[in-house]
N, C-alpha and C. Protein backbone atom coordinates (compact mmCIF):
# COMPACT_ATOMS: atom_id res chain seq x y z
N MET A 1 73.86 -18.10 -4.19
CA MET A 1 73.33 -17.91 -2.84
C MET A 1 72.00 -18.63 -2.72
N GLN A 2 71.83 -19.45 -1.70
CA GLN A 2 70.60 -20.18 -1.52
C GLN A 2 69.55 -19.30 -0.85
N LEU A 3 68.33 -19.32 -1.37
CA LEU A 3 67.26 -18.52 -0.81
C LEU A 3 66.47 -19.36 0.16
N VAL A 4 66.45 -18.98 1.42
CA VAL A 4 65.73 -19.73 2.43
C VAL A 4 64.90 -18.78 3.26
N PRO A 5 63.72 -19.24 3.76
CA PRO A 5 62.92 -18.39 4.63
C PRO A 5 63.70 -18.01 5.88
N ARG A 6 63.50 -16.76 6.37
CA ARG A 6 64.25 -16.28 7.50
C ARG A 6 63.36 -16.09 8.71
N ALA A 7 63.92 -16.30 9.87
CA ALA A 7 63.21 -15.94 11.10
C ALA A 7 63.21 -14.43 11.23
N ASN A 8 62.15 -13.89 11.87
CA ASN A 8 62.08 -12.43 12.04
C ASN A 8 63.22 -11.95 12.91
N ARG A 9 63.80 -10.81 12.54
CA ARG A 9 64.84 -10.21 13.35
C ARG A 9 64.73 -8.71 13.26
N ARG A 10 65.18 -8.03 14.27
CA ARG A 10 65.10 -6.58 14.32
C ARG A 10 66.34 -5.98 13.68
N ALA A 11 66.11 -5.05 12.76
CA ALA A 11 67.23 -4.43 12.08
C ALA A 11 67.86 -3.37 12.98
N SER A 12 69.16 -3.17 12.82
CA SER A 12 69.85 -2.14 13.58
C SER A 12 69.56 -0.77 12.98
N SER A 13 69.66 0.27 13.80
CA SER A 13 69.37 1.64 13.33
C SER A 13 70.51 2.14 12.46
N PRO A 14 70.21 2.61 11.24
CA PRO A 14 71.27 3.12 10.37
C PRO A 14 71.75 4.48 10.83
N LYS A 15 72.95 4.83 10.44
CA LYS A 15 73.48 6.15 10.74
C LYS A 15 73.13 7.11 9.62
N PRO A 16 72.82 8.36 9.94
CA PRO A 16 72.54 9.34 8.89
C PRO A 16 73.76 9.50 7.98
N GLU A 17 73.52 9.63 6.70
CA GLU A 17 74.57 9.84 5.72
C GLU A 17 74.25 11.06 4.89
N ASP A 18 75.23 11.58 4.18
CA ASP A 18 75.02 12.75 3.33
C ASP A 18 73.90 12.47 2.35
N GLY A 19 72.98 13.42 2.24
CA GLY A 19 71.88 13.29 1.29
C GLY A 19 70.69 12.54 1.86
N TYR A 20 70.83 11.91 3.03
CA TYR A 20 69.73 11.15 3.61
C TYR A 20 69.62 11.45 5.10
N ASP A 21 69.79 12.70 5.49
CA ASP A 21 69.67 13.04 6.90
C ASP A 21 68.21 13.29 7.24
N SER A 22 67.96 13.70 8.48
CA SER A 22 66.58 13.83 8.94
C SER A 22 65.79 14.87 8.17
N GLY A 23 66.47 15.78 7.51
CA GLY A 23 65.77 16.79 6.73
C GLY A 23 65.07 16.22 5.52
N ASP A 24 65.46 15.01 5.09
CA ASP A 24 64.83 14.37 3.94
C ASP A 24 63.61 13.57 4.32
N LEU A 25 63.35 13.41 5.61
CA LEU A 25 62.30 12.53 6.05
C LEU A 25 61.01 13.31 6.23
N PHE A 26 59.89 12.69 5.87
CA PHE A 26 58.60 13.32 6.03
C PHE A 26 57.57 12.26 6.31
N SER A 27 56.47 12.68 6.90
CA SER A 27 55.37 11.76 7.14
C SER A 27 54.36 11.93 6.02
N PRO A 28 53.49 10.91 5.77
CA PRO A 28 52.50 11.03 4.71
C PRO A 28 51.56 12.21 4.90
N SER A 29 51.44 12.72 6.13
CA SER A 29 50.56 13.86 6.35
C SER A 29 51.22 15.17 5.96
N GLY A 30 52.55 15.11 5.64
CA GLY A 30 53.26 16.29 5.20
C GLY A 30 54.06 16.95 6.30
N SER A 31 53.98 16.45 7.55
CA SER A 31 54.71 17.05 8.66
C SER A 31 55.85 16.15 9.07
N LYS A 32 56.88 16.75 9.71
CA LYS A 32 58.00 15.95 10.19
C LYS A 32 57.52 14.99 11.26
N ASP A 33 57.94 13.75 11.18
CA ASP A 33 57.47 12.73 12.10
C ASP A 33 58.58 12.39 13.08
N SER A 34 58.36 12.77 14.36
CA SER A 34 59.36 12.53 15.38
C SER A 34 58.97 11.38 16.30
N LEU A 35 57.89 10.66 15.96
CA LEU A 35 57.39 9.62 16.84
C LEU A 35 58.14 8.31 16.70
N SER A 36 58.81 8.09 15.59
CA SER A 36 59.47 6.81 15.36
C SER A 36 60.84 7.02 14.74
N SER A 37 61.79 6.20 15.17
CA SER A 37 63.13 6.26 14.60
C SER A 37 63.30 5.20 13.52
N ASP A 38 62.25 4.43 13.25
CA ASP A 38 62.29 3.38 12.23
C ASP A 38 62.13 4.01 10.86
N ARG A 39 63.18 3.94 10.05
CA ARG A 39 63.12 4.52 8.70
C ARG A 39 62.62 3.48 7.70
N VAL A 40 61.67 3.89 6.88
CA VAL A 40 61.06 2.96 5.95
C VAL A 40 61.17 3.48 4.52
N GLY A 41 61.47 2.58 3.59
CA GLY A 41 61.45 2.87 2.17
C GLY A 41 60.36 2.04 1.52
N ILE A 42 59.59 2.64 0.62
CA ILE A 42 58.45 1.97 -0.01
C ILE A 42 58.69 1.87 -1.51
N PHE A 43 58.41 0.69 -2.06
CA PHE A 43 58.67 0.42 -3.47
C PHE A 43 57.42 -0.23 -4.06
N ILE A 44 56.75 0.48 -4.96
CA ILE A 44 55.47 0.03 -5.50
C ILE A 44 55.60 -0.30 -6.98
N ASP A 45 55.32 -1.54 -7.30
CA ASP A 45 55.28 -2.01 -8.69
C ASP A 45 53.91 -1.62 -9.25
N GLY A 46 53.87 -0.51 -9.99
CA GLY A 46 52.61 0.04 -10.45
C GLY A 46 51.79 -0.91 -11.29
N SER A 47 52.42 -1.64 -12.20
CA SER A 47 51.71 -2.57 -13.06
C SER A 47 51.09 -3.70 -12.26
N ASN A 48 51.87 -4.25 -11.33
CA ASN A 48 51.37 -5.33 -10.48
C ASN A 48 50.19 -4.85 -9.64
N LEU A 49 50.30 -3.64 -9.11
CA LEU A 49 49.23 -3.08 -8.30
C LEU A 49 47.98 -2.83 -9.14
N PHE A 50 48.16 -2.35 -10.36
CA PHE A 50 47.03 -2.06 -11.25
C PHE A 50 46.19 -3.32 -11.51
N TYR A 51 46.88 -4.42 -11.84
CA TYR A 51 46.15 -5.65 -12.14
C TYR A 51 45.54 -6.26 -10.88
N ALA A 52 46.20 -6.12 -9.75
CA ALA A 52 45.64 -6.60 -8.49
C ALA A 52 44.37 -5.82 -8.14
N ALA A 53 44.42 -4.50 -8.35
CA ALA A 53 43.25 -3.67 -8.06
C ALA A 53 42.09 -4.03 -8.98
N MET A 54 42.38 -4.35 -10.22
CA MET A 54 41.34 -4.79 -11.15
C MET A 54 40.67 -6.06 -10.65
N GLN A 55 41.48 -7.00 -10.18
CA GLN A 55 40.95 -8.26 -9.66
C GLN A 55 40.03 -8.03 -8.48
N LEU A 56 40.37 -7.04 -7.65
CA LEU A 56 39.61 -6.77 -6.43
C LEU A 56 38.46 -5.78 -6.64
N GLY A 57 38.40 -5.16 -7.82
CA GLY A 57 37.42 -4.11 -8.03
C GLY A 57 37.70 -2.93 -7.11
N LEU A 58 38.98 -2.62 -6.97
CA LEU A 58 39.44 -1.62 -6.00
C LEU A 58 39.84 -0.32 -6.68
N GLU A 59 39.24 0.78 -6.23
CA GLU A 59 39.67 2.12 -6.64
C GLU A 59 40.57 2.64 -5.52
N ILE A 60 41.87 2.78 -5.78
CA ILE A 60 42.84 3.07 -4.72
C ILE A 60 42.90 4.56 -4.42
N ASP A 61 42.89 4.88 -3.14
CA ASP A 61 43.22 6.22 -2.67
C ASP A 61 44.71 6.19 -2.34
N TYR A 62 45.52 6.83 -3.15
CA TYR A 62 46.98 6.71 -3.01
C TYR A 62 47.53 7.45 -1.79
N SER A 63 46.77 8.41 -1.27
CA SER A 63 47.18 9.05 -0.02
C SER A 63 46.98 8.08 1.15
N LYS A 64 45.84 7.39 1.14
CA LYS A 64 45.59 6.38 2.16
C LYS A 64 46.59 5.24 2.06
N LEU A 65 46.92 4.84 0.84
CA LEU A 65 47.87 3.75 0.63
C LEU A 65 49.23 4.11 1.21
N LEU A 66 49.68 5.33 0.94
CA LEU A 66 50.98 5.76 1.44
C LEU A 66 51.00 5.78 2.97
N LYS A 67 49.92 6.27 3.54
CA LYS A 67 49.83 6.34 5.00
C LYS A 67 49.85 4.94 5.61
N TYR A 68 49.11 4.01 4.99
CA TYR A 68 49.08 2.63 5.52
C TYR A 68 50.45 1.97 5.42
N LEU A 69 51.09 2.08 4.27
CA LEU A 69 52.38 1.42 4.07
C LEU A 69 53.46 1.99 5.00
N ALA A 70 53.42 3.30 5.23
CA ALA A 70 54.40 3.92 6.13
C ALA A 70 54.17 3.47 7.57
N GLY A 71 52.93 3.28 7.94
CA GLY A 71 52.60 2.73 9.24
C GLY A 71 53.13 3.53 10.42
N GLY A 72 53.16 4.85 10.31
CA GLY A 72 53.62 5.69 11.40
C GLY A 72 55.12 5.80 11.54
N ARG A 73 55.84 5.16 10.62
CA ARG A 73 57.31 5.22 10.65
C ARG A 73 57.81 6.42 9.85
N ARG A 74 59.10 6.70 9.99
CA ARG A 74 59.69 7.84 9.28
C ARG A 74 59.92 7.43 7.82
N LEU A 75 59.21 8.08 6.94
CA LEU A 75 59.25 7.72 5.52
C LEU A 75 60.45 8.35 4.84
N LEU A 76 61.34 7.52 4.35
CA LEU A 76 62.52 8.01 3.66
C LEU A 76 62.23 8.28 2.19
N ARG A 77 61.69 7.29 1.50
CA ARG A 77 61.32 7.43 0.10
C ARG A 77 60.12 6.52 -0.20
N ALA A 78 59.26 6.96 -1.12
CA ALA A 78 58.17 6.13 -1.62
C ALA A 78 58.24 6.16 -3.14
N TYR A 79 58.69 5.07 -3.73
CA TYR A 79 58.85 4.99 -5.18
C TYR A 79 57.64 4.31 -5.82
N PHE A 80 57.23 4.84 -6.97
CA PHE A 80 56.16 4.25 -7.75
C PHE A 80 56.69 4.00 -9.16
N TYR A 81 56.73 2.75 -9.58
CA TYR A 81 57.32 2.36 -10.85
C TYR A 81 56.21 1.98 -11.84
N THR A 82 56.29 2.54 -13.05
CA THR A 82 55.24 2.22 -14.02
C THR A 82 55.71 2.46 -15.45
N GLY A 83 55.14 1.69 -16.36
CA GLY A 83 55.33 1.94 -17.78
C GLY A 83 54.42 3.08 -18.21
N VAL A 84 54.88 3.87 -19.18
CA VAL A 84 54.09 5.04 -19.59
C VAL A 84 53.91 5.09 -21.10
N ASP A 85 52.77 5.64 -21.47
CA ASP A 85 52.47 5.99 -22.86
C ASP A 85 52.52 7.51 -22.94
N PRO A 86 53.57 8.09 -23.57
CA PRO A 86 53.73 9.55 -23.59
C PRO A 86 52.52 10.29 -24.14
N GLY A 87 51.72 9.62 -24.96
CA GLY A 87 50.56 10.27 -25.54
C GLY A 87 49.30 10.18 -24.70
N ASN A 88 49.39 9.52 -23.55
CA ASN A 88 48.23 9.34 -22.69
C ASN A 88 48.16 10.48 -21.67
N GLU A 89 47.37 11.50 -21.97
CA GLU A 89 47.31 12.69 -21.11
C GLU A 89 46.73 12.38 -19.74
N LYS A 90 45.76 11.47 -19.67
CA LYS A 90 45.16 11.11 -18.39
C LYS A 90 46.20 10.47 -17.48
N GLN A 91 47.02 9.59 -18.05
CA GLN A 91 48.07 8.95 -17.25
C GLN A 91 49.11 9.98 -16.80
N GLN A 92 49.47 10.91 -17.68
CA GLN A 92 50.44 11.93 -17.31
C GLN A 92 49.91 12.80 -16.17
N GLY A 93 48.62 13.09 -16.19
CA GLY A 93 48.02 13.87 -15.11
C GLY A 93 48.04 13.12 -13.79
N PHE A 94 47.77 11.82 -13.85
CA PHE A 94 47.82 10.98 -12.65
C PHE A 94 49.23 10.95 -12.07
N LEU A 95 50.24 10.79 -12.91
CA LEU A 95 51.61 10.72 -12.43
C LEU A 95 52.08 12.06 -11.85
N LEU A 96 51.58 13.15 -12.42
CA LEU A 96 51.90 14.47 -11.87
C LEU A 96 51.32 14.60 -10.46
N TRP A 97 50.07 14.12 -10.29
CA TRP A 97 49.46 14.14 -8.96
C TRP A 97 50.28 13.32 -7.98
N MET A 98 50.75 12.16 -8.41
CA MET A 98 51.55 11.29 -7.54
C MET A 98 52.83 11.99 -7.10
N ARG A 99 53.49 12.66 -8.03
CA ARG A 99 54.74 13.37 -7.70
C ARG A 99 54.51 14.48 -6.69
N ARG A 100 53.34 15.09 -6.74
CA ARG A 100 53.03 16.20 -5.84
C ARG A 100 52.51 15.74 -4.49
N HIS A 101 52.31 14.44 -4.33
CA HIS A 101 51.72 13.93 -3.09
C HIS A 101 52.55 12.81 -2.46
N GLY A 102 53.87 12.99 -2.49
CA GLY A 102 54.74 12.12 -1.70
C GLY A 102 55.42 10.99 -2.41
N TYR A 103 55.14 10.80 -3.70
CA TYR A 103 55.74 9.68 -4.43
C TYR A 103 56.86 10.15 -5.36
N ARG A 104 57.90 9.33 -5.47
CA ARG A 104 58.91 9.52 -6.51
C ARG A 104 58.57 8.55 -7.64
N VAL A 105 58.20 9.10 -8.77
CA VAL A 105 57.71 8.29 -9.88
C VAL A 105 58.86 7.93 -10.81
N VAL A 106 59.02 6.62 -11.06
CA VAL A 106 60.04 6.12 -11.98
C VAL A 106 59.32 5.48 -13.16
N THR A 107 59.63 5.95 -14.37
CA THR A 107 58.88 5.50 -15.54
C THR A 107 59.80 4.91 -16.62
N LYS A 108 59.17 4.13 -17.47
CA LYS A 108 59.83 3.59 -18.65
C LYS A 108 58.78 3.48 -19.74
N ASP A 109 59.14 3.87 -20.97
CA ASP A 109 58.17 3.81 -22.07
C ASP A 109 57.71 2.39 -22.32
N LEU A 110 56.40 2.25 -22.57
CA LEU A 110 55.83 0.94 -22.88
C LEU A 110 56.35 0.45 -24.23
N ILE A 111 56.61 -0.83 -24.31
CA ILE A 111 57.04 -1.46 -25.56
C ILE A 111 55.90 -2.30 -26.10
N GLN A 112 55.55 -2.09 -27.38
CA GLN A 112 54.47 -2.85 -27.97
C GLN A 112 55.00 -4.15 -28.57
N HIS A 113 54.37 -5.25 -28.22
CA HIS A 113 54.78 -6.57 -28.69
C HIS A 113 54.00 -6.94 -29.96
N PRO A 114 54.46 -7.96 -30.68
CA PRO A 114 53.80 -8.35 -31.93
C PRO A 114 52.32 -8.68 -31.78
N ASP A 115 51.92 -9.16 -30.59
CA ASP A 115 50.52 -9.51 -30.39
C ASP A 115 49.65 -8.30 -30.06
N GLY A 116 50.27 -7.11 -30.05
CA GLY A 116 49.54 -5.88 -29.79
C GLY A 116 49.57 -5.43 -28.34
N SER A 117 50.01 -6.29 -27.43
CA SER A 117 50.08 -5.93 -26.01
C SER A 117 51.25 -4.98 -25.76
N LYS A 118 51.17 -4.23 -24.67
CA LYS A 118 52.22 -3.29 -24.31
C LYS A 118 52.72 -3.62 -22.90
N HIS A 119 54.02 -3.47 -22.71
CA HIS A 119 54.60 -3.84 -21.42
C HIS A 119 55.90 -3.07 -21.19
N ALA A 120 56.18 -2.79 -19.93
CA ALA A 120 57.46 -2.19 -19.55
C ALA A 120 57.92 -2.89 -18.28
N ASN A 121 59.10 -3.48 -18.31
CA ASN A 121 59.63 -4.20 -17.15
C ASN A 121 60.55 -3.29 -16.36
N LEU A 122 60.17 -3.02 -15.11
CA LEU A 122 60.97 -2.14 -14.25
C LEU A 122 61.59 -2.88 -13.07
N ASP A 123 61.73 -4.20 -13.20
CA ASP A 123 62.33 -5.00 -12.12
C ASP A 123 63.75 -4.54 -11.79
N VAL A 124 64.52 -4.21 -12.81
CA VAL A 124 65.91 -3.77 -12.58
C VAL A 124 65.93 -2.46 -11.79
N GLU A 125 65.06 -1.53 -12.17
CA GLU A 125 65.00 -0.25 -11.47
C GLU A 125 64.61 -0.43 -10.00
N ILE A 126 63.64 -1.30 -9.75
CA ILE A 126 63.22 -1.57 -8.37
C ILE A 126 64.38 -2.17 -7.58
N ALA A 127 65.05 -3.15 -8.17
CA ALA A 127 66.15 -3.84 -7.48
C ALA A 127 67.30 -2.88 -7.16
N VAL A 128 67.67 -2.06 -8.12
CA VAL A 128 68.77 -1.12 -7.91
C VAL A 128 68.44 -0.13 -6.81
N ASP A 129 67.22 0.42 -6.81
CA ASP A 129 66.83 1.40 -5.80
C ASP A 129 66.77 0.76 -4.41
N MET A 130 66.32 -0.47 -4.32
CA MET A 130 66.28 -1.16 -3.02
C MET A 130 67.69 -1.36 -2.48
N LEU A 131 68.60 -1.75 -3.34
CA LEU A 131 69.99 -1.96 -2.90
C LEU A 131 70.64 -0.64 -2.51
N GLU A 132 70.35 0.42 -3.23
CA GLU A 132 70.94 1.73 -2.94
C GLU A 132 70.48 2.26 -1.58
N LEU A 133 69.20 2.06 -1.26
CA LEU A 133 68.64 2.62 -0.03
C LEU A 133 68.75 1.70 1.18
N ALA A 134 69.21 0.47 0.96
CA ALA A 134 69.24 -0.52 2.04
C ALA A 134 70.00 -0.04 3.27
N GLN A 135 71.10 0.68 3.05
CA GLN A 135 71.93 1.12 4.18
C GLN A 135 71.29 2.23 5.00
N TYR A 136 70.22 2.85 4.48
CA TYR A 136 69.58 3.96 5.16
C TYR A 136 68.25 3.57 5.82
N CYS A 137 67.77 2.35 5.58
CA CYS A 137 66.45 1.93 6.05
C CYS A 137 66.54 0.84 7.12
N ASN A 138 65.60 0.88 8.06
CA ASN A 138 65.37 -0.24 8.95
C ASN A 138 64.42 -1.24 8.30
N THR A 139 63.45 -0.69 7.56
CA THR A 139 62.40 -1.51 6.96
C THR A 139 62.17 -1.08 5.52
N MET A 140 61.88 -2.06 4.67
CA MET A 140 61.45 -1.78 3.30
C MET A 140 60.11 -2.47 3.05
N VAL A 141 59.23 -1.75 2.37
CA VAL A 141 57.94 -2.31 1.99
C VAL A 141 57.90 -2.44 0.48
N LEU A 142 57.70 -3.65 0.00
CA LEU A 142 57.61 -3.92 -1.43
C LEU A 142 56.18 -4.28 -1.78
N LEU A 143 55.56 -3.46 -2.61
CA LEU A 143 54.21 -3.77 -3.06
C LEU A 143 54.33 -4.39 -4.45
N SER A 144 54.44 -5.70 -4.47
CA SER A 144 54.57 -6.47 -5.70
C SER A 144 54.48 -7.94 -5.37
N GLY A 145 54.01 -8.72 -6.33
CA GLY A 145 53.99 -10.17 -6.15
C GLY A 145 54.94 -10.87 -7.10
N ASP A 146 55.80 -10.09 -7.75
CA ASP A 146 56.70 -10.59 -8.80
C ASP A 146 57.83 -11.42 -8.19
N GLY A 147 57.86 -12.70 -8.52
CA GLY A 147 58.89 -13.59 -8.01
C GLY A 147 60.29 -13.24 -8.48
N ASP A 148 60.41 -12.46 -9.56
CA ASP A 148 61.73 -12.04 -10.04
C ASP A 148 62.43 -11.13 -9.04
N LEU A 149 61.69 -10.58 -8.08
CA LEU A 149 62.27 -9.69 -7.08
C LEU A 149 62.71 -10.44 -5.83
N THR A 150 62.53 -11.75 -5.81
CA THR A 150 62.89 -12.54 -4.63
C THR A 150 64.37 -12.40 -4.29
N TYR A 151 65.21 -12.41 -5.29
CA TYR A 151 66.66 -12.39 -5.04
C TYR A 151 67.09 -11.08 -4.39
N VAL A 152 66.55 -9.95 -4.87
CA VAL A 152 66.94 -8.67 -4.27
C VAL A 152 66.38 -8.53 -2.86
N VAL A 153 65.19 -9.07 -2.61
CA VAL A 153 64.64 -9.06 -1.25
C VAL A 153 65.54 -9.84 -0.32
N ASN A 154 66.01 -10.98 -0.78
CA ASN A 154 66.93 -11.80 0.02
C ASN A 154 68.24 -11.05 0.27
N SER A 155 68.76 -10.38 -0.75
CA SER A 155 70.01 -9.64 -0.62
C SER A 155 69.88 -8.49 0.38
N VAL A 156 68.77 -7.76 0.29
CA VAL A 156 68.52 -6.65 1.21
C VAL A 156 68.39 -7.16 2.64
N SER A 157 67.74 -8.30 2.81
CA SER A 157 67.54 -8.83 4.16
C SER A 157 68.85 -9.20 4.82
N TYR A 158 69.82 -9.65 4.03
CA TYR A 158 71.13 -9.99 4.59
C TYR A 158 71.93 -8.76 4.99
N ARG A 159 71.44 -7.59 4.61
CA ARG A 159 72.06 -6.34 5.04
C ARG A 159 71.41 -5.80 6.32
N GLY A 160 70.51 -6.58 6.90
CA GLY A 160 69.89 -6.20 8.17
C GLY A 160 68.60 -5.45 8.05
N VAL A 161 67.97 -5.45 6.87
CA VAL A 161 66.74 -4.71 6.66
C VAL A 161 65.54 -5.66 6.74
N GLN A 162 64.53 -5.26 7.50
CA GLN A 162 63.28 -6.00 7.53
C GLN A 162 62.51 -5.71 6.24
N VAL A 163 61.99 -6.75 5.60
CA VAL A 163 61.26 -6.57 4.34
C VAL A 163 59.82 -7.03 4.49
N GLU A 164 58.90 -6.12 4.18
CA GLU A 164 57.47 -6.43 4.19
C GLU A 164 56.98 -6.47 2.75
N VAL A 165 56.23 -7.50 2.40
CA VAL A 165 55.67 -7.64 1.06
C VAL A 165 54.16 -7.49 1.15
N VAL A 166 53.61 -6.63 0.29
CA VAL A 166 52.17 -6.41 0.21
C VAL A 166 51.73 -6.70 -1.22
N SER A 167 50.77 -7.58 -1.39
CA SER A 167 50.31 -7.91 -2.73
C SER A 167 49.06 -8.79 -2.64
N LEU A 168 48.41 -9.00 -3.77
CA LEU A 168 47.26 -9.89 -3.83
C LEU A 168 47.76 -11.32 -3.83
N GLN A 169 47.26 -12.12 -2.89
CA GLN A 169 47.81 -13.46 -2.68
C GLN A 169 47.78 -14.32 -3.94
N SER A 170 46.70 -14.22 -4.70
CA SER A 170 46.57 -15.05 -5.90
C SER A 170 47.53 -14.65 -7.01
N MET A 171 48.15 -13.47 -6.87
CA MET A 171 49.10 -12.99 -7.89
C MET A 171 50.52 -12.89 -7.33
N THR A 172 50.79 -13.60 -6.25
CA THR A 172 52.07 -13.47 -5.57
C THR A 172 52.86 -14.77 -5.60
N SER A 173 54.14 -14.67 -5.93
CA SER A 173 55.03 -15.82 -5.95
C SER A 173 55.25 -16.34 -4.52
N ASP A 174 55.18 -17.65 -4.35
CA ASP A 174 55.43 -18.26 -3.04
C ASP A 174 56.84 -17.94 -2.56
N SER A 175 57.79 -17.87 -3.48
CA SER A 175 59.17 -17.60 -3.09
C SER A 175 59.31 -16.23 -2.45
N LEU A 176 58.53 -15.28 -2.93
CA LEU A 176 58.57 -13.92 -2.38
C LEU A 176 57.95 -13.89 -0.99
N VAL A 177 56.85 -14.58 -0.82
CA VAL A 177 56.19 -14.65 0.49
C VAL A 177 57.10 -15.32 1.51
N ASN A 178 57.76 -16.39 1.11
CA ASN A 178 58.59 -17.17 2.03
C ASN A 178 59.83 -16.41 2.50
N ILE A 179 60.35 -15.53 1.65
CA ILE A 179 61.59 -14.84 1.99
C ILE A 179 61.36 -13.56 2.77
N ALA A 180 60.12 -13.04 2.74
CA ALA A 180 59.80 -11.78 3.41
C ALA A 180 59.68 -11.98 4.92
N ASP A 181 59.93 -10.90 5.67
CA ASP A 181 59.72 -10.94 7.12
C ASP A 181 58.25 -10.87 7.46
N ARG A 182 57.48 -10.19 6.60
CA ARG A 182 56.04 -10.03 6.84
C ARG A 182 55.33 -9.97 5.50
N TYR A 183 54.19 -10.63 5.42
CA TYR A 183 53.39 -10.58 4.19
C TYR A 183 51.98 -10.12 4.52
N VAL A 184 51.46 -9.20 3.68
CA VAL A 184 50.10 -8.69 3.84
C VAL A 184 49.36 -8.89 2.53
N ASP A 185 48.20 -9.57 2.60
CA ASP A 185 47.36 -9.77 1.43
C ASP A 185 46.60 -8.47 1.14
N LEU A 186 46.74 -7.96 -0.06
CA LEU A 186 46.11 -6.70 -0.44
C LEU A 186 44.60 -6.74 -0.22
N ALA A 187 44.00 -7.91 -0.41
CA ALA A 187 42.55 -8.04 -0.25
C ALA A 187 42.11 -7.70 1.18
N LYS A 188 42.97 -7.99 2.16
CA LYS A 188 42.60 -7.79 3.55
C LYS A 188 42.67 -6.32 3.97
N ILE A 189 43.38 -5.51 3.21
CA ILE A 189 43.47 -4.09 3.56
C ILE A 189 42.64 -3.22 2.60
N LYS A 190 41.85 -3.84 1.76
CA LYS A 190 41.04 -3.10 0.79
C LYS A 190 40.23 -1.98 1.43
N PRO A 191 39.54 -2.22 2.55
CA PRO A 191 38.74 -1.13 3.14
C PRO A 191 39.58 0.05 3.62
N LEU A 192 40.85 -0.20 3.90
CA LEU A 192 41.71 0.85 4.44
C LEU A 192 42.29 1.77 3.36
N ILE A 193 42.30 1.30 2.12
CA ILE A 193 42.91 2.07 1.04
C ILE A 193 41.93 2.38 -0.09
N GLN A 194 40.66 2.08 0.14
CA GLN A 194 39.62 2.31 -0.86
C GLN A 194 39.35 3.79 -1.02
N ARG A 195 39.24 4.25 -2.24
CA ARG A 195 38.91 5.65 -2.51
C ARG A 195 37.44 5.90 -2.23
N ASP A 196 37.13 7.03 -1.60
CA ASP A 196 35.74 7.40 -1.36
C ASP A 196 35.40 8.65 -2.16
N GLU A 197 34.15 9.08 -2.10
CA GLU A 197 33.70 10.19 -2.94
C GLU A 197 34.39 11.49 -2.55
N VAL A 198 34.66 11.68 -1.27
CA VAL A 198 35.32 12.92 -0.84
C VAL A 198 36.71 13.02 -1.39
N SER A 199 37.50 11.91 -1.29
CA SER A 199 38.86 11.94 -1.81
C SER A 199 38.87 12.05 -3.32
N ASP A 200 37.83 11.51 -3.98
CA ASP A 200 37.71 11.67 -5.43
C ASP A 200 37.67 13.15 -5.80
N ARG A 201 36.85 13.90 -5.08
CA ARG A 201 36.70 15.32 -5.39
C ARG A 201 37.97 16.09 -5.10
N VAL A 202 38.66 15.70 -4.01
CA VAL A 202 39.89 16.37 -3.65
C VAL A 202 40.95 16.15 -4.69
N GLN A 203 41.11 14.88 -5.17
CA GLN A 203 42.15 14.58 -6.14
C GLN A 203 41.87 15.24 -7.49
N VAL A 204 40.58 15.34 -7.86
CA VAL A 204 40.24 16.00 -9.14
C VAL A 204 40.56 17.48 -9.06
N ALA A 205 40.30 18.08 -7.87
CA ALA A 205 40.51 19.52 -7.71
C ALA A 205 41.96 19.89 -7.55
N THR A 206 42.82 18.94 -7.13
CA THR A 206 44.23 19.25 -6.87
C THR A 206 44.98 19.51 -8.16
């Protein structure tokens, strides 16, 4: 299949199916959202986001991030994919907080390479989940700059789903930008998702 940039088009409204009816939908504020019929699925590449945030000197408020990515639409699912070190208690605490605040966390144990670095590739998990949810969403938001995901973005788009890509421009594959319906540079939304002192205290206390 040839990958070519697409003109913007409006996706058709999906029909409710078993397991994905309106009872499964929630807004980032925690209340049922009846203002929009546009269903959105969010897919966050945790490793890609971590390194992008380091580049920007950004401390992310994940509640603000979820609210921004949902954009007032009916949130179907928000997935967060990351490699994990089972012995890292701080990381486990962070992931527990994420699960309790609107995210579905998908993990894979980190693999240590001969050079001492650790890595976990979750591209397959992201691709499978995007394909599974495509029939239930009008829009999908992918927070990643990984060019390996270009093919699944193209496949999802041919099913009538609008795809938005959010990532740091300097860490984003051109092929991914070209195939998306909309691209947002993470640097431009930094003030909207920056953690402040109040949210710091709230997240520590939760």
